[in-house]
């Protein structure tokens, strides 16, 4: 009896399998749309926009219209004055989004002005080691010949051997 071979799974596949149903339920979008947003929005709007949600119209079963798919409204967060330029490029962006999905998923774009870019603070450089910890780190780095590797190990060792700050 032969059993099918198990293949390795990437973390992204597992995470997408968990996150996609939640995003679909809460915002109507998928991680594929979020991941491909830079290509969809293009270089003009990739850095200042972010898709927030797609509001799909409710199906009114009593009308007898045959159900079917109806295109939704995509809400996009956009920074400041760039929203005006995005308003003028809506038609092209809708065409790109529908091309990404492969069917007319979006009929309209709603623009919300809010900050998009995340400000990332770089952690400050840890102070140099003193006393016994510095001697220990030097002893560990004795056999390293490459200067670049020595600097990297020194940074790592300094961060690891630092005394924990009491908050």
Protein backbone atom coordinates (compact mmCIF):
# COMPACT_ATOMS: atom_id res chain seq x y z
CA UNK A 1 0.00 0.00 0.00
CA UNK A 2 1.46 3.38 -0.96
CA UNK A 3 0.74 6.52 0.98
CA UNK A 4 0.83 9.96 -0.59
CA UNK A 5 3.99 11.87 0.27
CA UNK A 6 3.57 14.79 2.59
CA UNK A 7 5.04 17.96 1.23
CA UNK A 8 6.59 20.73 3.26
CA UNK A 9 4.39 23.70 3.93
CA UNK A 10 5.65 27.23 3.97
CA UNK A 11 4.77 29.43 6.91
CA UNK A 12 3.04 31.86 4.54
CA UNK A 13 0.71 29.08 3.33
CA UNK A 14 -0.26 28.23 6.89
CA UNK A 15 -0.67 31.89 7.88
CA UNK A 16 -2.74 32.68 4.77
CA UNK A 17 -4.95 29.70 5.51
CA UNK A 18 -5.64 31.12 8.96
CA UNK A 19 -5.84 34.82 8.10
CA UNK A 20 -7.76 34.69 4.80
CA UNK A 21 -11.09 33.51 6.28
CA UNK A 22 -10.92 36.21 8.95
CA UNK A 23 -10.08 38.94 6.43
CA UNK A 24 -12.77 37.72 4.08
CA UNK A 25 -15.38 37.78 6.84
CA UNK A 26 -14.34 41.10 8.37
CA UNK A 27 -13.13 43.14 5.38
CA UNK A 28 -14.01 41.19 2.25
CA UNK A 29 -10.37 41.14 1.10
CA UNK A 30 -7.63 38.53 0.97
CA UNK A 31 -3.94 38.42 1.81
CA UNK A 32 -3.26 37.99 -1.92
CA UNK A 33 -4.74 41.45 -2.58
CA UNK A 34 -2.77 42.98 0.27
CA UNK A 35 0.44 41.28 -0.85
CA UNK A 36 0.03 42.38 -4.46
CA UNK A 37 -1.16 45.88 -3.69
CA UNK A 38 2.13 47.52 -4.73
CA UNK A 39 1.84 46.05 -8.24
CA UNK A 40 -1.88 46.79 -8.50
CA UNK A 41 -1.66 50.40 -7.31
CA UNK A 42 1.46 51.11 -9.33
CA UNK A 43 4.43 53.23 -8.35
CA UNK A 44 2.31 56.40 -8.16
CA UNK A 45 0.06 55.16 -5.36
CA UNK A 46 1.78 52.15 -3.76
CA UNK A 47 3.45 54.16 -1.01
CA UNK A 48 0.47 56.32 -0.05
CA UNK A 49 -2.51 53.92 -0.28
CA UNK A 50 -3.72 50.74 1.39
CA UNK A 51 -6.87 48.70 0.72
CA UNK A 52 -9.06 48.57 3.81
CA UNK A 53 -12.17 46.57 2.90
CA UNK A 54 -14.56 45.60 0.15
CA UNK A 55 -18.23 46.10 0.95
CA UNK A 56 -20.25 43.59 -1.05
CA UNK A 57 -23.93 44.40 -1.63
CA UNK A 58 -26.38 42.16 0.17
CA UNK A 59 -28.27 39.76 -1.99
CA UNK A 60 -31.95 40.46 -1.99
CA UNK A 61 -33.41 37.04 -2.63
CA UNK A 62 -36.98 38.32 -2.86
CA UNK A 63 -36.40 40.37 -6.02
CA UNK A 64 -36.06 37.37 -8.31
CA UNK A 65 -33.10 38.89 -10.12
CA UNK A 66 -31.43 35.51 -10.29
CA UNK A 67 -28.84 36.20 -7.59
CA UNK A 68 -25.41 36.09 -9.17
CA UNK A 69 -22.39 38.15 -8.33
CA UNK A 70 -22.56 41.88 -7.76
CA UNK A 71 -19.47 44.07 -7.67
CA UNK A 72 -18.57 45.75 -4.39
CA UNK A 73 -17.17 49.03 -3.13
CA UNK A 74 -13.47 49.04 -2.22
CA UNK A 75 -12.46 51.38 0.59
CA UNK A 76 -8.89 52.65 0.21
CA UNK A 77 -6.96 54.59 2.84
CA UNK A 78 -4.93 57.36 1.23
CA UNK A 79 -2.59 59.97 2.65
CA UNK A 80 -3.34 63.67 2.40
CA UNK A 81 -3.44 65.47 -0.91
CA UNK A 82 -2.65 62.32 -2.90
CA UNK A 83 -6.32 61.40 -2.50
CA UNK A 84 -7.18 64.00 -5.15
CA UNK A 85 -4.85 62.34 -7.67
CA UNK A 86 -6.24 58.92 -6.72
CA UNK A 87 -9.75 60.22 -7.42
CA UNK A 88 -8.71 61.05 -10.98
CA UNK A 89 -7.09 57.62 -11.47
CA UNK A 90 -10.05 55.61 -10.10
CA UNK A 91 -11.06 54.14 -13.45
CA UNK A 92 -7.61 52.73 -14.15
CA UNK A 93 -7.27 51.41 -10.59
CA UNK A 94 -10.66 49.68 -10.76
CA UNK A 95 -9.60 48.02 -14.03
CA UNK A 96 -6.35 46.81 -12.43
CA UNK A 97 -8.14 45.44 -9.37
CA UNK A 98 -10.73 43.63 -11.47
CA UNK A 99 -7.93 42.27 -13.64
CA UNK A 100 -6.22 40.96 -10.51
CA UNK A 101 -9.38 39.17 -9.37
CA UNK A 102 -10.25 37.98 -12.86
CA UNK A 103 -13.86 39.13 -12.63
CA UNK A 104 -15.60 42.48 -11.99
CA UNK A 105 -15.17 42.49 -8.21
CA UNK A 106 -15.11 46.26 -7.67
CA UNK A 107 -17.49 48.80 -9.20
CA UNK A 108 -16.54 51.81 -7.12
CA UNK A 109 -13.72 53.09 -4.92
CA UNK A 110 -14.31 54.98 -1.69
CA UNK A 111 -11.30 57.00 -0.53
CA UNK A 112 -10.67 57.67 3.15
CA UNK A 113 -7.94 60.12 4.07
CA UNK A 114 -5.75 58.78 6.86
CA UNK A 115 -2.07 58.07 7.47
CA UNK A 116 -0.89 54.94 5.70
CA UNK A 117 2.84 54.66 6.21
CA UNK A 118 3.96 53.14 9.45
CA UNK A 119 6.64 55.12 11.21
CA UNK A 120 9.27 52.64 12.29
CA UNK A 121 11.53 53.63 15.12
CA UNK A 122 14.91 52.04 15.09
CA UNK A 123 15.90 50.77 18.51
CA UNK A 124 18.72 52.72 20.04
CA UNK A 125 22.19 51.25 20.06
CA UNK A 126 22.92 49.41 23.33
CA UNK A 127 25.69 50.88 25.48
CA UNK A 128 29.05 49.08 25.38
CA UNK A 129 29.62 46.22 27.80
CA UNK A 130 31.64 46.78 30.95
CA UNK A 131 33.54 44.54 33.34
CA UNK A 132 33.12 40.77 33.28
CA UNK A 133 30.64 40.74 30.39
CA UNK A 134 33.09 42.63 28.12
CA UNK A 135 35.92 40.22 28.98
CA UNK A 136 33.63 37.24 28.28
CA UNK A 137 32.63 38.61 24.88
CA UNK A 138 36.26 39.27 23.92
CA UNK A 139 37.18 35.70 24.87
CA UNK A 140 34.37 34.36 22.67
CA UNK A 141 35.55 36.39 19.66
CA UNK A 142 39.25 35.42 19.89
CA UNK A 143 39.33 33.00 16.93
CA UNK A 144 37.36 35.18 14.49
CA UNK A 145 39.55 36.54 11.69
CA UNK A 146 37.03 38.42 9.52
CA UNK A 147 36.53 42.01 10.70
CA UNK A 148 32.97 42.19 9.38
CA UNK A 149 32.03 38.98 11.17
CA UNK A 150 33.80 40.17 14.32
CA UNK A 151 31.76 43.42 14.33
CA UNK A 152 28.52 41.51 13.79
CA UNK A 153 29.28 39.07 16.61
CA UNK A 154 30.24 42.00 18.85
CA UNK A 155 26.88 43.72 18.19
CA UNK A 156 24.99 40.50 18.82
CA UNK A 157 27.00 39.67 21.94
CA UNK A 158 26.53 43.19 23.31
CA UNK A 159 22.77 42.95 22.85
CA UNK A 160 22.56 39.48 24.38
CA UNK A 161 24.89 40.03 27.34
CA UNK A 162 23.41 43.43 28.28
CA UNK A 163 21.83 43.63 31.70
CA UNK A 164 18.05 43.65 31.41
CA UNK A 165 16.59 47.08 32.06
CA UNK A 166 14.09 47.26 34.87
CA UNK A 167 10.92 48.94 33.72
